[in-house]
């Protein structure tokens, strides 16, 4: 087997890297303790590895968002910084699921590692069920919210939904389901579609997402639509029947997923940011294993303008 590849940042799952107009790369991710939101920034991707970390928000001791802070994402929307995240009232599992709901915090400072963060409350989707992994993107002047949520009438943990936003913390319309677990590779261990991330290139809007249990079965799928299409129409979207990124035993990278996209230091190439493990023998529940590490690799493109994720390597 090939040597295990080196992560950019160890023990950071659900990684999100955002390059802002100030030239800095901003990084956030789930920390193993699931108790806070941590940010760091650097003027290069490599610099993020050793950049100072700043804890910008801690969970309260009690209440609806006092446990299991998952998958924060930092976005700059309408002149302010927002972190979108999910949290639960406890670690209790009900009806086979945790009880996560989605929340947002806001900072109007130019540097989000400084200044005050304001709690903006729960982002209400109109569906009172387990939900998580929110991201946002703007297209044709509309800000969209994209996330994963349970539908009690559909088998599995979560499906992918999209809705327009009235403000960066409020939806302007009802959720529209874009994808649900249905293929064999999406239902290994758990029936899951989660962790969506958006990339706009080549006249298309791509949504990557993750599926199956968070062990070596975890893999990534892809949806896409023309950038002139109605993004709120499920029929605008095409779904790949096969995973686009999965465990690579040759490279020793297992369960790659929950990705984000950013640009390289030159600003031209697209970088795929994802987490993965470097071994398969997990003791106990994979949720409590801290060794999901952040990796970064270049994304390539085929002759038709479709992204080529390749194998789980940094090559």
Protein backbone atom coordinates (compact mmCIF):
# COMPACT_ATOMS: atom_id res chain seq x y z
CA UNK A 1 0.00 0.00 0.00
CA UNK A 2 1.15 3.55 -0.67
CA UNK A 3 2.25 5.72 2.22
CA UNK A 4 -0.59 7.45 4.05
CA UNK A 5 -1.00 11.00 2.77
CA UNK A 6 -0.42 13.94 5.06
CA UNK A 7 -3.45 15.96 6.16
CA UNK A 8 -3.42 19.74 6.11
CA UNK A 9 -4.98 19.89 9.59
CA UNK A 10 -5.40 16.91 11.89
CA UNK A 11 -8.55 16.11 13.85
CA UNK A 12 -10.79 18.62 12.12
CA UNK A 13 -13.90 17.14 10.52
CA UNK A 14 -16.45 18.84 8.21
CA UNK A 15 -13.83 21.36 7.03
CA UNK A 16 -14.85 24.63 5.44
CA UNK A 17 -12.34 26.99 3.82
CA UNK A 18 -13.50 30.35 2.48
CA UNK A 19 -11.29 32.80 0.60
CA UNK A 20 -12.43 36.36 1.19
CA UNK A 21 -11.85 39.52 -0.82
CA UNK A 22 -9.24 40.59 1.76
CA UNK A 23 -6.97 37.84 0.43
CA UNK A 24 -7.19 35.65 3.52
CA UNK A 25 -8.30 32.04 3.71
CA UNK A 26 -10.67 31.40 6.62
CA UNK A 27 -11.03 27.94 8.11
CA UNK A 28 -13.57 26.38 10.43
CA UNK A 29 -14.59 22.79 11.17
CA UNK A 30 -16.09 20.50 13.78
CA UNK A 31 -13.74 20.14 16.72
CA UNK A 32 -13.57 16.68 18.37
CA UNK A 33 -15.22 17.97 21.57
CA UNK A 34 -18.21 19.37 19.60
CA UNK A 35 -18.38 22.20 22.14
CA UNK A 36 -17.42 25.39 20.27
CA UNK A 37 -16.86 27.21 17.00
CA UNK A 38 -13.23 27.76 16.12
CA UNK A 39 -11.83 30.02 13.37
CA UNK A 40 -8.40 30.56 11.92
CA UNK A 41 -7.07 32.49 8.93
CA UNK A 42 -3.92 32.68 6.79
CA UNK A 43 -2.80 34.26 3.54
CA UNK A 44 -2.16 30.84 1.99
CA UNK A 45 -3.70 27.37 2.18
CA UNK A 46 -0.49 25.94 3.66
CA UNK A 47 -0.46 28.69 6.26
CA UNK A 48 -3.74 27.49 7.74
CA UNK A 49 -2.01 24.44 9.20
CA UNK A 50 -0.15 26.46 11.84
CA UNK A 51 -2.40 29.51 12.02
CA UNK A 52 -3.58 30.69 15.44
CA UNK A 53 -7.02 29.40 16.35
CA UNK A 54 -9.66 31.63 17.91
CA UNK A 55 -12.71 30.26 19.72
CA UNK A 56 -15.46 32.66 18.68
CA UNK A 57 -18.47 30.92 20.28
CA UNK A 58 -18.98 28.32 23.00
CA UNK A 59 -22.09 26.29 23.59
CA UNK A 60 -24.13 27.19 26.68
CA UNK A 61 -24.36 24.74 29.57
CA UNK A 62 -28.04 24.02 28.99
CA UNK A 63 -30.74 24.73 26.44
CA UNK A 64 -31.73 23.75 22.90
CA UNK A 65 -28.25 24.27 21.42
CA UNK A 66 -26.08 23.18 24.36
CA UNK A 67 -24.66 19.94 22.92
CA UNK A 68 -22.95 18.51 19.83
CA UNK A 69 -22.00 21.61 17.86
CA UNK A 70 -21.56 20.24 14.34
CA UNK A 71 -20.30 21.38 10.95
CA UNK A 72 -19.90 25.16 11.25
CA UNK A 73 -19.49 27.11 8.01
CA UNK A 74 -18.27 30.71 7.73
CA UNK A 75 -19.86 32.88 5.02
CA UNK A 76 -19.79 36.58 4.20
CA UNK A 77 -23.37 37.50 3.30
CA UNK A 78 -24.78 40.96 2.69
CA UNK A 79 -21.97 42.83 4.39
CA UNK A 80 -21.51 40.70 7.51
CA UNK A 81 -19.94 37.43 8.57
CA UNK A 82 -22.18 34.50 9.47
CA UNK A 83 -21.40 31.10 10.90
CA UNK A 84 -24.08 28.50 10.24
CA UNK A 85 -24.02 25.43 12.48
CA UNK A 86 -26.16 22.72 14.02
CA UNK A 87 -26.51 21.84 17.70
CA UNK A 88 -28.71 19.70 19.93
CA UNK A 89 -30.29 20.07 23.39
CA UNK A 90 -28.61 16.87 24.62
CA UNK A 91 -26.88 13.72 23.43
CA UNK A 92 -30.12 11.78 23.68
CA UNK A 93 -31.22 9.89 20.59
CA UNK A 94 -34.94 9.95 19.84
CA UNK A 95 -36.55 8.01 17.01
CA UNK A 96 -33.06 6.82 15.98
CA UNK A 97 -31.72 10.37 15.58
CA UNK A 98 -30.10 13.15 17.52
CA UNK A 99 -32.18 16.29 17.97
CA UNK A 100 -30.13 18.85 16.06
CA UNK A 101 -31.54 22.10 14.75
CA UNK A 102 -29.72 24.81 12.77
CA UNK A 103 -28.52 28.19 14.06
CA UNK A 104 -26.56 31.26 12.97
CA UNK A 105 -24.26 33.80 14.58
CA UNK A 106 -23.21 37.14 13.03
CA UNK A 107 -20.17 39.43 13.21
CA UNK A 108 -19.98 42.82 11.48
CA UNK A 109 -16.25 43.30 12.09
CA UNK A 110 -13.99 43.29 9.04
CA UNK A 111 -11.97 40.47 10.64
CA UNK A 112 -14.27 37.72 11.98
CA UNK A 113 -11.56 36.54 14.38
CA UNK A 114 -12.12 39.83 16.18
CA UNK A 115 -15.21 41.79 17.19
CA UNK A 116 -18.41 40.54 18.74
CA UNK A 117 -20.50 37.60 17.56
CA UNK A 118 -24.27 37.99 17.87
CA UNK A 119 -26.50 34.93 18.20
CA UNK A 120 -29.18 35.23 15.52
CA UNK A 121 -31.28 32.28 16.66
CA UNK A 122 -32.60 29.17 14.99
CA UNK A 123 -33.01 29.04 11.24
CA UNK A 124 -36.56 27.75 10.92
CA UNK A 125 -37.19 25.66 7.81
CA UNK A 126 -40.83 25.03 8.60
CA UNK A 127 -40.05 21.38 9.31
CA UNK A 128 -39.45 20.53 12.97
CA UNK A 129 -37.08 17.58 12.55
CA UNK A 130 -33.40 16.69 12.77
CA UNK A 131 -31.41 19.00 10.47
CA UNK A 132 -27.82 20.06 9.95
CA UNK A 133 -25.00 20.94 7.52
CA UNK A 134 -26.27 24.25 6.18
CA UNK A 135 -24.43 26.20 3.52
CA UNK A 136 -25.36 29.33 1.56
CA UNK A 137 -24.64 30.63 -1.93
CA UNK A 138 -25.75 33.55 -4.08
CA UNK A 139 -26.91 33.26 -7.68
CA UNK A 140 -28.56 35.89 -9.90
CA UNK A 141 -29.04 38.18 -6.92
CA UNK A 142 -30.76 35.56 -4.76
CA UNK A 143 -29.24 34.16 -1.57
CA UNK A 144 -29.98 30.44 -1.18
CA UNK A 145 -29.89 28.16 1.85
CA UNK A 146 -28.94 24.51 1.28
CA UNK A 147 -29.03 21.88 4.02
CA UNK A 148 -29.82 18.31 5.16
CA UNK A 149 -32.99 17.37 7.05
CA UNK A 150 -35.11 14.42 8.07
CA UNK A 151 -38.52 13.85 6.49
CA UNK A 152 -40.53 11.46 8.66
CA UNK A 153 -42.20 10.05 5.53
CA UNK A 154 -38.88 9.15 3.85
CA UNK A 155 -36.53 6.35 4.88
CA UNK A 156 -33.24 7.50 6.34
CA UNK A 157 -31.55 10.20 8.37
CA UNK A 158 -31.61 13.16 6.01
CA UNK A 159 -32.31 14.48 2.52
CA UNK A 160 -30.99 17.62 0.78
CA UNK A 161 -33.14 20.75 0.63
CA UNK A 162 -32.88 24.22 -0.86
CA UNK A 163 -34.78 27.46 -0.20
CA UNK A 164 -34.35 31.18 -0.95
CA UNK A 165 -33.44 33.47 1.94
CA UNK A 166 -35.18 36.69 3.02
CA UNK A 167 -32.21 37.59 5.22
CA UNK A 168 -28.99 35.68 5.91
CA UNK A 169 -30.75 34.05 8.88
CA UNK A 170 -34.35 33.67 7.62
CA UNK A 171 -35.86 31.69 4.77
CA UNK A 172 -38.12 33.33 2.20
CA UNK A 173 -39.87 30.22 0.93
CA UNK A 174 -40.65 26.59 1.67
CA UNK A 175 -37.99 23.86 1.46
CA UNK A 176 -37.59 22.05 -1.86
CA UNK A 177 -36.10 18.55 -1.73
CA UNK A 178 -33.32 17.98 -4.27
CA UNK A 179 -32.01 14.55 -3.28
CA UNK A 180 -32.66 11.62 -0.96
CA UNK A 181 -30.68 8.45 -0.22
CA UNK A 182 -31.60 5.92 -2.89
CA UNK A 183 -28.52 4.30 -4.43
CA UNK A 184 -26.62 1.44 -2.80
CA UNK A 185 -23.59 3.61 -2.04
CA UNK A 186 -25.82 6.16 -0.24
CA UNK A 187 -27.35 3.70 2.24
CA UNK A 188 -24.38 1.79 3.67
CA UNK A 189 -24.67 1.82 7.45
CA UNK A 190 -27.10 4.73 7.38
CA UNK A 191 -29.38 6.21 4.72
CA UNK A 192 -27.86 9.67 4.47
CA UNK A 193 -27.55 12.67 2.16
CA UNK A 194 -25.73 15.48 3.99
CA UNK A 195 -22.89 17.99 3.88
CA UNK A 196 -23.79 19.86 0.67
CA UNK A 197 -21.33 22.30 -0.89
CA UNK A 198 -21.78 24.52 -3.96
CA UNK A 199 -19.42 25.22 -6.86
CA UNK A 200 -20.28 27.45 -9.84
CA UNK A 201 -18.23 26.81 -12.99
CA UNK A 202 -18.59 26.21 -16.72
CA UNK A 203 -22.20 27.36 -16.98
CA UNK A 204 -23.33 24.97 -14.27
CA UNK A 205 -24.03 24.91 -10.56
CA UNK A 206 -22.65 21.82 -8.85
CA UNK A 207 -23.71 20.50 -5.45
CA UNK A 208 -21.45 17.92 -3.88
CA UNK A 209 -22.76 16.01 -0.88
CA UNK A 210 -21.89 13.06 1.36
CA UNK A 211 -23.69 9.77 1.93
CA UNK A 212 -23.71 6.62 4.08
CA UNK A 213 -22.18 6.07 7.53
CA UNK A 214 -19.18 8.15 8.62
CA UNK A 215 -16.75 5.20 8.53
CA UNK A 216 -14.98 3.90 5.40
CA UNK A 217 -18.38 3.72 3.65
CA UNK A 218 -18.67 7.52 3.59
CA UNK A 219 -18.55 8.79 0.01
CA UNK A 220 -19.42 11.85 -2.04
CA UNK A 221 -22.07 12.36 -4.70
CA UNK A 222 -22.86 15.14 -7.14
CA UNK A 223 -25.88 17.10 -8.38
CA UNK A 224 -25.76 19.71 -11.12
CA UNK A 225 -28.00 22.19 -12.92
CA UNK A 226 -27.55 24.74 -15.69
CA UNK A 227 -26.89 28.15 -14.23
CA UNK A 228 -29.87 29.53 -16.19
CA UNK A 229 -32.28 26.97 -14.71
CA UNK A 230 -34.82 27.42 -11.92
CA UNK A 231 -32.79 26.19 -8.95
CA UNK A 232 -35.98 25.67 -6.92
CA UNK A 233 -37.30 23.15 -9.45
CA UNK A 234 -36.09 19.63 -8.55
CA UNK A 235 -36.31 18.68 -12.23
CA UNK A 236 -33.58 21.23 -13.02
CA UNK A 237 -31.08 19.00 -11.26
CA UNK A 238 -29.28 15.89 -12.47
CA UNK A 239 -27.90 13.39 -9.95
CA UNK A 240 -24.93 11.14 -10.55
CA UNK A 241 -25.91 7.49 -9.98
CA UNK A 242 -22.35 6.72 -8.89
CA UNK A 243 -20.19 8.31 -6.19
CA UNK A 244 -17.64 10.86 -7.40
CA UNK A 245 -15.21 10.44 -4.49
CA UNK A 246 -14.81 7.43 -2.19
CA UNK A 247 -12.40 5.44 -0.04
CA UNK A 248 -9.05 4.75 -1.70
CA UNK A 249 -7.38 1.72 -0.17
CA UNK A 250 -4.23 2.26 -2.25
CA UNK A 251 -3.62 5.68 -0.72
CA UNK A 252 -4.89 4.72 2.74
CA UNK A 253 -7.60 7.38 2.78
CA UNK A 254 -10.92 6.20 4.16
CA UNK A 255 -14.39 7.74 4.17
CA UNK A 256 -13.67 11.03 2.39
CA UNK A 257 -16.49 13.52 2.55
CA UNK A 258 -18.21 16.57 3.98
CA UNK A 259 -16.27 18.78 1.64
CA UNK A 260 -16.07 22.42 0.69
CA UNK A 261 -14.52 24.19 -2.29
CA UNK A 262 -12.07 27.08 -2.41
CA UNK A 263 -9.56 28.54 -4.87
CA UNK A 264 -5.81 27.97 -4.99
CA UNK A 265 -3.29 30.65 -4.04
CA UNK A 266 -3.25 31.94 -7.63
CA UNK A 267 -7.04 32.31 -7.57
CA UNK A 268 -7.57 30.27 -10.72
CA UNK A 269 -7.76 26.61 -9.77
CA UNK A 270 -10.44 25.04 -7.59
CA UNK A 271 -9.37 23.14 -4.47
CA UNK A 272 -11.37 20.33 -2.93
CA UNK A 273 -11.37 20.45 0.86
CA UNK A 274 -12.56 17.30 2.63
CA UNK A 275 -12.12 15.16 5.71
CA UNK A 276 -11.06 11.53 5.84
CA UNK A 277 -9.54 8.95 8.14
CA UNK A 278 -6.22 7.18 7.66
CA UNK A 279 -7.25 3.87 9.22
CA UNK A 280 -10.37 1.70 9.32
CA UNK A 281 -10.23 -0.01 12.73
CA UNK A 282 -12.42 2.38 14.67
CA UNK A 283 -13.15 1.48 18.26
CA UNK A 284 -16.76 2.22 19.21
CA UNK A 285 -19.05 4.66 17.45
CA UNK A 286 -17.25 6.51 14.61
CA UNK A 287 -18.93 9.73 15.79
CA UNK A 288 -16.66 9.87 18.83
CA UNK A 289 -13.47 9.00 16.98
CA UNK A 290 -11.45 12.25 16.64
CA UNK A 291 -9.29 11.19 13.70
CA UNK A 292 -11.14 12.70 10.78
CA UNK A 293 -8.50 14.96 9.29
CA UNK A 294 -8.70 17.86 6.83
CA UNK A 295 -7.19 17.23 3.40
CA UNK A 296 -6.92 19.53 0.37
CA UNK A 297 -6.35 18.56 -3.27
CA UNK A 298 -6.79 20.17 -6.70
CA UNK A 299 -10.05 19.59 -8.52
CA UNK A 300 -9.71 18.81 -12.21
CA UNK A 301 -12.12 19.05 -15.13
CA UNK A 302 -13.04 16.86 -18.08
CA UNK A 303 -13.65 17.93 -21.68
CA UNK A 304 -17.37 18.43 -20.97
CA UNK A 305 -16.67 20.87 -18.14
CA UNK A 306 -17.54 18.39 -15.38
CA UNK A 307 -15.45 18.19 -12.21
CA UNK A 308 -13.08 15.25 -11.83
CA UNK A 309 -12.57 14.45 -8.15
CA UNK A 310 -10.13 11.60 -8.78
CA UNK A 311 -9.00 9.26 -6.08
CA UNK A 312 -8.55 10.25 -2.45
CA UNK A 313 -5.12 11.78 -2.77
CA UNK A 314 -3.43 15.15 -2.72
CA UNK A 315 -1.85 14.43 -6.10
